Amino acid sequence: MKINKEEISLFDEQQFETNDKKFELKNIVEDDNLIKSKDRVQHHGEVFTPKWMVKKMLAEPSIQEKLHDLHATFFEPSAGEGAFLKEILHQKLNYVDQISNKTTWKNNALWALMSIYAIELLEDNLVKARQAMMDIFINHYQAFMQKELSSNTDLYKSAQYVINVNIVQGNTLTYRNAKNKLIEFGEWIPSGNKVKLSTFTYKSLFNNGDIDDVDANEGQLSLFDESEDSNSKNSNVKLITKVYEE
C-alpha cells in the first residue's frame, strides 16, 4: 500500500508562517527643550536645533541628493546631542534599506555611517550623540533583518568603532580636544569590500601656516578628499565589517 506524504502529515506547515514583523522602524524621539540651562547658554552658547528645522534644512534637493549617496560626507562642527547626526543617519539608512538585500546591507550601512563626521565640545552631549547614532543603526538593522543585533557581532563592534572615530570631542575654534591634543579624524578609503583608515588632524584642513602642525597641508584640504597621497598615519586594509580589529 502506497502512502502519500499528505496522508501522514500531522499539520499544515503553512499555517505557522506569518508576515508579521517582530521589529519595526521607530521614530526618532527628540527632547522639545532647546536649552539645558542658562549657565550652559552663557558659557558655551549651547542652544539646540529643533527637529522641524533639521528636517527642513535636510529637505533641500541638493542635500537630498547627497543623502542618497553612500559616500557623500557630512560634517557637523557643533554636534550637541546629535540632532543633525541622527536625522542624517536615519535618512541615509532609509536609502540603504531601499537599495540593499540581506547580503549587501551590512557593507552599505557601514559606508553610510563612515560618511558622517562631527565635533562636540561637551562630553555629556558627545556621549548622547554617539549612543543615539548607535541606537538608530541597530534599529535599522533589526527592522531590515528581522533579528536582533548582538553586541558580540563584528557588525556591532565595527559600527561602534566608526562612531567613536568619526564623532569626537573637541573645540573647533582651537582645533584641540580636552586633552589639549589636536583633534583627529579618520578618513575611510574604499577598496572593494575592504577599507583603509587614514587619520589626520582637523587643523590640517586649513592653510594656517602653523609650522608646528606636522599634518598641515599646503592650501585648504577637503575633509573628504579621497586622495591617499597625504602624510597622515595609515592603517592596513581591512574588511569593512572588521574595522574595529587592531
C-alpha atoms as a PDB file:
ATOM      1  CA  MET A   1       0.000   0.000   0.000  1.00  0.00           C
ATOM      2  CA  LYS A   2       1.427   3.344  -1.068  1.00  0.00           C
ATOM      3  CA  ILE A   3       1.026   6.219   1.381  1.00  0.00           C
ATOM      4  CA  ASN A   4       1.122   9.803   0.110  1.00  0.00           C
ATOM      5  CA  LYS A   5       3.095  12.411   2.004  1.00  0.00           C
ATOM      6  CA  GLU A   6      -0.095  14.440   2.504  1.00  0.00           C
ATOM      7  CA  GLU A   7      -1.728  11.485   4.292  1.00  0.00           C
ATOM      8  CA  ILE A   8       0.943  11.258   7.002  1.00  0.00           C
ATOM      9  CA  SER A   9       1.386  14.994   7.510  1.00  0.00           C
ATOM     10  CA  LEU A  10       0.436  15.830  11.089  1.00  0.00           C
ATOM     11  CA  PHE A  11      -0.068  19.549  10.474  1.00  0.00           C
ATOM     12  CA  ASP A  12      -0.201  22.155   7.788  1.00  0.00           C
ATOM     13  CA  GLU A  13       3.242  23.808   7.823  1.00  0.00           C
ATOM     14  CA  GLN A  14       1.972  26.958   6.128  1.00  0.00           C
ATOM     15  CA  GLN A  15      -0.396  27.785   8.948  1.00  0.00           C
ATOM     16  CA  PHE A  16       2.657  28.554  11.104  1.00  0.00           C
ATOM     17  CA  GLU A  17       4.073  31.058   8.628  1.00  0.00           C
ATOM     18  CA  THR A  18       3.480  34.732   9.346  1.00  0.00           C
ATOM     19  CA  ASN A  19       4.233  38.001   7.651  1.00  0.00           C
ATOM     20  CA  ASP A  20       4.076  39.941  10.897  1.00  0.00           C
ATOM     21  CA  LYS A  21       7.303  41.782  11.632  1.00  0.00           C
ATOM     22  CA  LYS A  22       8.860  41.491  15.044  1.00  0.00           C
ATOM     23  CA  PHE A  23      10.974  44.606  14.598  1.00  0.00           C
ATOM     24  CA  GLU A  24       9.743  47.937  13.222  1.00  0.00           C
ATOM     25  CA  LEU A  25      11.493  51.211  12.471  1.00  0.00           C
ATOM     26  CA  LYS A  26      10.993  53.646  15.328  1.00  0.00           C
ATOM     27  CA  ASN A  27      10.501  57.376  15.115  1.00  0.00           C
ATOM     28  CA  ILE A  28      13.396  59.491  16.314  1.00  0.00           C
ATOM     29  CA  VAL A  29      12.382  60.880  19.708  1.00  0.00           C
ATOM     30  CA  GLU A  30      13.533  64.424  20.362  1.00  0.00           C
ATOM     31  CA  ASP A  31      13.536  66.493  23.532  1.00  0.00           C
ATOM     32  CA  ASP A  32      11.474  69.645  22.967  1.00  0.00           C
ATOM     33  CA  ASN A  33      13.786  71.681  25.198  1.00  0.00           C
ATOM     34  CA  LEU A  34      16.163  73.857  23.172  1.00  0.00           C
ATOM     35  CA  ILE A  35      18.366  74.703  26.162  1.00  0.00           C
ATOM     36  CA  LYS A  36      19.558  72.686  29.168  1.00  0.00           C
ATOM     37  CA  SER A  37      20.367  75.650  31.402  1.00  0.00           C
ATOM     38  CA  LYS A  38      21.051  79.367  31.218  1.00  0.00           C
ATOM     39  CA  ASP A  39      24.539  78.680  32.518  1.00  0.00           C
ATOM     40  CA  ARG A  40      25.335  76.438  29.537  1.00  0.00           C
ATOM     41  CA  VAL A  41      23.973  79.060  27.154  1.00  0.00           C
ATOM     42  CA  GLN A  42      26.109  81.782  28.745  1.00  0.00           C
ATOM     43  CA  HIS A  43      29.309  79.733  28.948  1.00  0.00           C
ATOM     44  CA  HIS A  44      29.069  77.625  25.800  1.00  0.00           C
ATOM     45  CA  GLY A  45      26.398  79.258  23.618  1.00  0.00           C
ATOM     46  CA  GLU A  46      24.529  75.957  23.723  1.00  0.00           C
ATOM     47  CA  VAL A  47      21.133  76.129  22.015  1.00  0.00           C
ATOM     48  CA  PHE A  48      19.773  73.007  20.311  1.00  0.00           C
ATOM     49  CA  THR A  49      18.220  72.949  16.846  1.00  0.00           C
ATOM     50  CA  PRO A  50      14.537  71.861  16.796  1.00  0.00           C
ATOM     51  CA  LYS A  51      13.707  68.740  14.803  1.00  0.00           C
ATOM     52  CA  TRP A  52      11.390  70.575  12.376  1.00  0.00           C
ATOM     53  CA  MET A  53      14.241  72.886  11.386  1.00  0.00           C
ATOM     54  CA  VAL A  54      16.664  69.976  10.957  1.00  0.00           C
ATOM     55  CA  LYS A  55      14.245  68.185   8.638  1.00  0.00           C
ATOM     56  CA  LYS A  56      13.536  71.366   6.677  1.00  0.00           C
ATOM     57  CA  MET A  57      17.223  72.042   6.112  1.00  0.00           C
ATOM     58  CA  LEU A  58      17.892  68.466   5.029  1.00  0.00           C
ATOM     59  CA  ALA A  59      14.915  68.572   2.653  1.00  0.00           C
ATOM     60  CA  GLU A  60      16.813  70.827   0.235  1.00  0.00           C
ATOM     61  CA  PRO A  61      17.171  68.988  -3.131  1.00  0.00           C
ATOM     62  CA  SER A  62      20.969  69.288  -3.166  1.00  0.00           C
ATOM     63  CA  ILE A  63      21.156  67.804   0.331  1.00  0.00           C
ATOM     64  CA  GLN A  64      18.735  65.020  -0.551  1.00  0.00           C
ATOM     65  CA  GLU A  65      20.967  64.092  -3.466  1.00  0.00           C
ATOM     66  CA  LYS A  66      23.896  63.674  -1.078  1.00  0.00           C
ATOM     67  CA  LEU A  67      21.780  61.686   1.373  1.00  0.00           C
ATOM     68  CA  HIS A  68      21.210  59.211  -1.464  1.00  0.00           C
ATOM     69  CA  ASP A  69      24.949  58.747  -1.945  1.00  0.00           C
ATOM     70  CA  LEU A  70      26.603  56.269   0.434  1.00  0.00           C
ATOM     71  CA  HIS A  71      29.978  58.000   0.275  1.00  0.00           C
ATOM     72  CA  ALA A  72      28.851  61.659   0.254  1.00  0.00           C
ATOM     73  CA  THR A  73      30.125  63.065   3.523  1.00  0.00           C
ATOM     74  CA  PHE A  74      28.535  65.301   6.154  1.00  0.00           C
ATOM     75  CA  PHE A  75      30.314  67.260   8.865  1.00  0.00           C
ATOM     76  CA  GLU A  76      28.719  68.836  11.960  1.00  0.00           C
ATOM     77  CA  PRO A  77      31.177  71.207  13.750  1.00  0.00           C
ATOM     78  CA  SER A  78      28.979  71.529  16.844  1.00  0.00           C
ATOM     79  CA  ALA A  79      27.038  68.302  17.224  1.00  0.00           C
ATOM     80  CA  GLY A  80      25.216  68.911  20.504  1.00  0.00           C
ATOM     81  CA  GLU A  81      23.197  65.794  21.308  1.00  0.00           C
ATOM     82  CA  GLY A  82      23.199  64.867  17.636  1.00  0.00           C
ATOM     83  CA  ALA A  83      20.019  66.384  16.172  1.00  0.00           C
ATOM     84  CA  PHE A  84      21.521  66.626  12.684  1.00  0.00           C
ATOM     85  CA  LEU A  85      23.592  63.454  13.024  1.00  0.00           C
ATOM     86  CA  LYS A  86      20.564  61.348  13.925  1.00  0.00           C
ATOM     87  CA  GLU A  87      18.424  62.597  11.067  1.00  0.00           C
ATOM     88  CA  ILE A  88      21.244  62.343   8.518  1.00  0.00           C
ATOM     89  CA  LEU A  89      21.996  58.773   9.568  1.00  0.00           C
ATOM     90  CA  HIS A  90      18.307  57.859   9.618  1.00  0.00           C
ATOM     91  CA  GLN A  91      17.750  59.170   6.094  1.00  0.00           C
ATOM     92  CA  LYS A  92      20.954  57.599   4.779  1.00  0.00           C
ATOM     93  CA  LEU A  93      19.948  54.239   6.229  1.00  0.00           C
ATOM     94  CA  ASN A  94      16.482  54.618   4.727  1.00  0.00           C
ATOM     95  CA  TYR A  95      18.267  54.772   1.381  1.00  0.00           C
ATOM     96  CA  VAL A  96      20.418  51.766   2.330  1.00  0.00           C
ATOM     97  CA  ASP A  97      17.223  49.848   3.127  1.00  0.00           C
ATOM     98  CA  GLN A  98      15.898  50.649  -0.350  1.00  0.00           C
ATOM     99  CA  ILE A  99      18.953  49.586  -2.359  1.00  0.00           C
ATOM    100  CA  SER A 100      20.179  46.612  -0.329  1.00  0.00           C
ATOM    101  CA  ASN A 101      19.438  42.956   0.156  1.00  0.00           C
ATOM    102  CA  LYS A 102      20.397  40.898   3.197  1.00  0.00           C
ATOM    103  CA  THR A 103      23.820  40.220   1.700  1.00  0.00           C
ATOM    104  CA  THR A 104      24.753  43.830   0.905  1.00  0.00           C
ATOM    105  CA  TRP A 105      23.044  45.693   3.759  1.00  0.00           C
ATOM    106  CA  LYS A 106      25.905  45.447   6.257  1.00  0.00           C
ATOM    107  CA  ASN A 107      28.555  46.932   3.965  1.00  0.00           C
ATOM    108  CA  ASN A 108      26.236  49.621   2.625  1.00  0.00           C
ATOM    109  CA  ALA A 109      25.145  50.631   6.115  1.00  0.00           C
ATOM    110  CA  LEU A 110      28.731  50.901   7.338  1.00  0.00           C
ATOM    111  CA  TRP A 111      29.689  53.051   4.324  1.00  0.00           C
ATOM    112  CA  ALA A 112      26.778  55.352   5.180  1.00  0.00           C
ATOM    113  CA  LEU A 113      27.916  55.528   8.807  1.00  0.00           C
ATOM    114  CA  MET A 114      31.511  56.210   7.784  1.00  0.00           C
ATOM    115  CA  SER A 115      30.378  59.279   5.836  1.00  0.00           C
ATOM    116  CA  ILE A 116      29.147  61.201   8.914  1.00  0.00           C
ATOM    117  CA  TYR A 117      31.578  63.296  10.970  1.00  0.00           C
ATOM    118  CA  ALA A 118      31.178  65.642  13.927  1.00  0.00           C
ATOM    119  CA  ILE A 119      32.900  67.536  16.712  1.00  0.00           C
ATOM    120  CA  GLU A 120      31.253  68.292  20.067  1.00  0.00           C
ATOM    121  CA  LEU A 121      32.739  70.333  22.891  1.00  0.00           C
ATOM    122  CA  LEU A 122      30.768  68.983  25.858  1.00  0.00           C
ATOM    123  CA  GLU A 123      31.350  65.409  26.950  1.00  0.00           C
ATOM    124  CA  ASP A 124      27.787  64.692  28.101  1.00  0.00           C
ATOM    125  CA  ASN A 125      26.440  65.747  24.710  1.00  0.00           C
ATOM    126  CA  LEU A 126      29.052  63.633  22.953  1.00  0.00           C
ATOM    127  CA  VAL A 127      28.020  60.503  24.849  1.00  0.00           C
ATOM    128  CA  LYS A 128      24.342  61.060  23.971  1.00  0.00           C
ATOM    129  CA  ALA A 129      25.065  61.788  20.298  1.00  0.00           C
ATOM    130  CA  ARG A 130      27.159  58.657  19.891  1.00  0.00           C
ATOM    131  CA  GLN A 131      24.616  56.470  21.648  1.00  0.00           C
ATOM    132  CA  ALA A 132      21.756  57.928  19.602  1.00  0.00           C
ATOM    133  CA  MET A 133      23.573  57.094  16.371  1.00  0.00           C
ATOM    134  CA  MET A 134      24.236  53.556  17.564  1.00  0.00           C
ATOM    135  CA  ASP A 135      20.567  53.146  18.501  1.00  0.00           C
ATOM    136  CA  ILE A 136      19.459  54.264  15.030  1.00  0.00           C
ATOM    137  CA  PHE A 137      21.928  51.891  13.371  1.00  0.00           C
ATOM    138  CA  ILE A 138      20.662  48.978  15.488  1.00  0.00           C
ATOM    139  CA  ASN A 139      17.027  49.865  14.835  1.00  0.00           C
ATOM    140  CA  HIS A 140      17.502  49.909  11.049  1.00  0.00           C
ATOM    141  CA  TYR A 141      19.423  46.624  11.105  1.00  0.00           C
ATOM    142  CA  GLN A 142      16.780  44.867  13.188  1.00  0.00           C
ATOM    143  CA  ALA A 143      13.863  46.223  11.142  1.00  0.00           C
ATOM    144  CA  PHE A 144      15.571  45.148   7.899  1.00  0.00           C
ATOM    145  CA  MET A 145      16.947  41.778   9.005  1.00  0.00           C
ATOM    146  CA  GLN A 146      14.132  40.963  11.445  1.00  0.00           C
ATOM    147  CA  LYS A 147      16.534  39.780  14.105  1.00  0.00           C
ATOM    148  CA  GLU A 148      18.430  41.292  16.999  1.00  0.00           C
ATOM    149  CA  LEU A 149      21.881  42.784  16.538  1.00  0.00           C
ATOM    150  CA  SER A 150      24.105  41.286  19.221  1.00  0.00           C
ATOM    151  CA  SER A 151      26.838  43.411  20.744  1.00  0.00           C
ATOM    152  CA  ASN A 152      29.175  40.444  20.179  1.00  0.00           C
ATOM    153  CA  THR A 153      28.939  40.613  16.372  1.00  0.00           C
ATOM    154  CA  ASP A 154      31.533  42.122  14.034  1.00  0.00           C
ATOM    155  CA  LEU A 155      28.904  44.499  12.648  1.00  0.00           C
ATOM    156  CA  TYR A 156      28.017  45.918  16.062  1.00  0.00           C
ATOM    157  CA  LYS A 157      31.668  46.343  17.053  1.00  0.00           C
ATOM    158  CA  SER A 158      32.551  47.949  13.705  1.00  0.00           C
ATOM    159  CA  ALA A 159      29.622  50.380  13.851  1.00  0.00           C
ATOM    160  CA  GLN A 160      30.557  51.425  17.379  1.00  0.00           C
ATOM    161  CA  TYR A 161      34.206  51.829  16.361  1.00  0.00           C
ATOM    162  CA  VAL A 162      33.313  54.006  13.366  1.00  0.00           C
ATOM    163  CA  ILE A 163      31.115  56.249  15.502  1.00  0.00           C
ATOM    164  CA  ASN A 164      33.897  56.710  18.067  1.00  0.00           C
ATOM    165  CA  VAL A 165      36.412  57.579  15.331  1.00  0.00           C
ATOM    166  CA  ASN A 166      34.126  59.974  13.443  1.00  0.00           C
ATOM    167  CA  ILE A 167      32.233  61.683  16.285  1.00  0.00           C
ATOM    168  CA  VAL A 168      34.838  63.254  18.542  1.00  0.00           C
ATOM    169  CA  GLN A 169      35.282  65.674  21.428  1.00  0.00           C
ATOM    170  CA  GLY A 170      36.962  68.966  20.760  1.00  0.00           C
ATOM    171  CA  ASN A 171      36.819  72.710  20.263  1.00  0.00           C
ATOM    172  CA  THR A 172      36.520  73.709  16.606  1.00  0.00           C
ATOM    173  CA  LEU A 173      37.950  77.175  17.380  1.00  0.00           C
ATOM    174  CA  THR A 174      41.176  75.924  18.970  1.00  0.00           C
ATOM    175  CA  TYR A 175      41.413  72.703  16.916  1.00  0.00           C
ATOM    176  CA  ARG A 176      42.128  70.835  20.169  1.00  0.00           C
ATOM    177  CA  ASN A 177      40.349  68.403  22.456  1.00  0.00           C
ATOM    178  CA  ALA A 178      40.038  68.319  26.246  1.00  0.00           C
ATOM    179  CA  LYS A 179      43.479  66.675  26.487  1.00  0.00           C
ATOM    180  CA  ASN A 180      44.957  69.660  24.611  1.00  0.00           C
ATOM    181  CA  LYS A 181      45.780  67.423  21.668  1.00  0.00           C
ATOM    182  CA  LEU A 182      44.916  68.255  18.085  1.00  0.00           C
ATOM    183  CA  ILE A 183      41.519  66.871  17.063  1.00  0.00           C
ATOM    184  CA  GLU A 184      41.904  63.811  14.858  1.00  0.00           C
ATOM    185  CA  PHE A 185      39.542  62.218  12.367  1.00  0.00           C
ATOM    186  CA  GLY A 186      39.586  59.041  10.345  1.00  0.00           C
ATOM    187  CA  GLU A 187      39.162  59.026   6.588  1.00  0.00           C
ATOM    188  CA  TRP A 188      37.698  55.749   5.317  1.00  0.00           C
ATOM    189  CA  ILE A 189      39.167  54.936   1.909  1.00  0.00           C
ATOM    190  CA  PRO A 190      37.213  52.288  -0.064  1.00  0.00           C
ATOM    191  CA  SER A 191      38.984  49.296  -1.573  1.00  0.00           C
ATOM    192  CA  GLY A 192      36.311  46.911  -2.829  1.00  0.00           C
ATOM    193  CA  ASN A 193      34.635  45.361   0.194  1.00  0.00           C
ATOM    194  CA  LYS A 194      37.599  46.478   2.282  1.00  0.00           C
ATOM    195  CA  VAL A 195      38.580  49.830   3.728  1.00  0.00           C
ATOM    196  CA  LYS A 196      41.733  51.692   4.639  1.00  0.00           C
ATOM    197  CA  LEU A 197      41.657  54.086   7.597  1.00  0.00           C
ATOM    198  CA  SER A 198      43.770  57.196   7.260  1.00  0.00           C
ATOM    199  CA  THR A 199      43.945  59.528  10.273  1.00  0.00           C
ATOM    200  CA  PHE A 200      44.537  63.264  10.051  1.00  0.00           C
ATOM    201  CA  THR A 201      44.112  66.344  12.233  1.00  0.00           C
ATOM    202  CA  TYR A 202      41.173  68.713  11.906  1.00  0.00           C
ATOM    203  CA  LYS A 203      43.647  71.602  11.900  1.00  0.00           C
ATOM    204  CA  SER A 204      45.398  70.182   8.842  1.00  0.00           C
ATOM    205  CA  LEU A 205      42.331  71.046   6.762  1.00  0.00           C
ATOM    206  CA  PHE A 206      43.185  74.721   6.926  1.00  0.00           C
ATOM    207  CA  ASN A 207      46.053  76.701   5.475  1.00  0.00           C
ATOM    208  CA  ASN A 208      47.012  78.286   8.774  1.00  0.00           C
ATOM    209  CA  GLY A 209      50.771  78.481   8.287  1.00  0.00           C
ATOM    210  CA  ASP A 210      51.406  76.710  11.583  1.00  0.00           C
ATOM    211  CA  ILE A 211      54.783  75.033  11.227  1.00  0.00           C
ATOM    212  CA  ASP A 212      54.198  73.146  14.483  1.00  0.00           C
ATOM    213  CA  ASP A 213      51.317  71.221  12.928  1.00  0.00           C
ATOM    214  CA  VAL A 214      53.139  68.339  11.294  1.00  0.00           C
ATOM    215  CA  ASP A 215      49.984  67.230   9.497  1.00  0.00           C
ATOM    216  CA  ALA A 216      49.283  70.631   7.973  1.00  0.00           C
ATOM    217  CA  ASN A 217      48.755  70.709   4.210  1.00  0.00           C
ATOM    218  CA  GLU A 218      49.548  73.485   1.783  1.00  0.00           C
ATOM    219  CA  GLY A 219      46.308  75.194   0.893  1.00  0.00           C
ATOM    220  CA  GLN A 220      42.929  74.140   2.191  1.00  0.00           C
ATOM    221  CA  LEU A 221      42.198  70.420   2.014  1.00  0.00           C
ATOM    222  CA  SER A 222      38.727  68.973   1.698  1.00  0.00           C
ATOM    223  CA  LEU A 223      37.790  66.968   4.776  1.00  0.00           C
ATOM    224  CA  PHE A 224      36.581  64.293   2.442  1.00  0.00           C
ATOM    225  CA  ASP A 225      39.410  64.256  -0.107  1.00  0.00           C
ATOM    226  CA  GLU A 226      39.751  60.694  -1.355  1.00  0.00           C
ATOM    227  CA  SER A 227      43.400  61.087  -2.201  1.00  0.00           C
ATOM    228  CA  GLU A 228      45.772  58.707  -0.434  1.00  0.00           C
ATOM    229  CA  ASP A 229      48.779  60.942  -1.053  1.00  0.00           C
ATOM    230  CA  SER A 230      48.756  62.545   2.402  1.00  0.00           C
ATOM    231  CA  ASN A 231      51.239  62.494   5.256  1.00  0.00           C
ATOM    232  CA  SER A 232      48.670  61.060   7.650  1.00  0.00           C
ATOM    233  CA  LYS A 233      49.059  57.815   9.565  1.00  0.00           C
ATOM    234  CA  ASN A 234      47.621  54.880   7.623  1.00  0.00           C
ATOM    235  CA  SER A 235      46.417  51.535   8.855  1.00  0.00           C
ATOM    236  CA  ASN A 236      46.243  48.279   6.936  1.00  0.00           C
ATOM    237  CA  VAL A 237      43.369  47.488   4.599  1.00  0.00           C
ATOM    238  CA  LYS A 238      40.652  45.562   6.443  1.00  0.00           C
ATOM    239  CA  LEU A 239      37.276  44.037   5.733  1.00  0.00           C
ATOM    240  CA  ILE A 240      34.696  46.742   6.316  1.00  0.00           C
ATOM    241  CA  THR A 241      32.911  44.605   8.904  1.00  0.00           C
ATOM    242  CA  LYS A 242      36.144  44.097  10.867  1.00  0.00           C
ATOM    243  CA  VAL A 243      37.482  47.635  11.075  1.00  0.00           C
ATOM    244  CA  TYR A 244      37.426  47.501  14.873  1.00  0.00           C
ATOM    245  CA  GLU A 245      40.228  44.928  14.931  1.00  0.00           C
ATOM    246  CA  GLU A 246      43.607  46.342  15.913  1.00  0.00           C
END
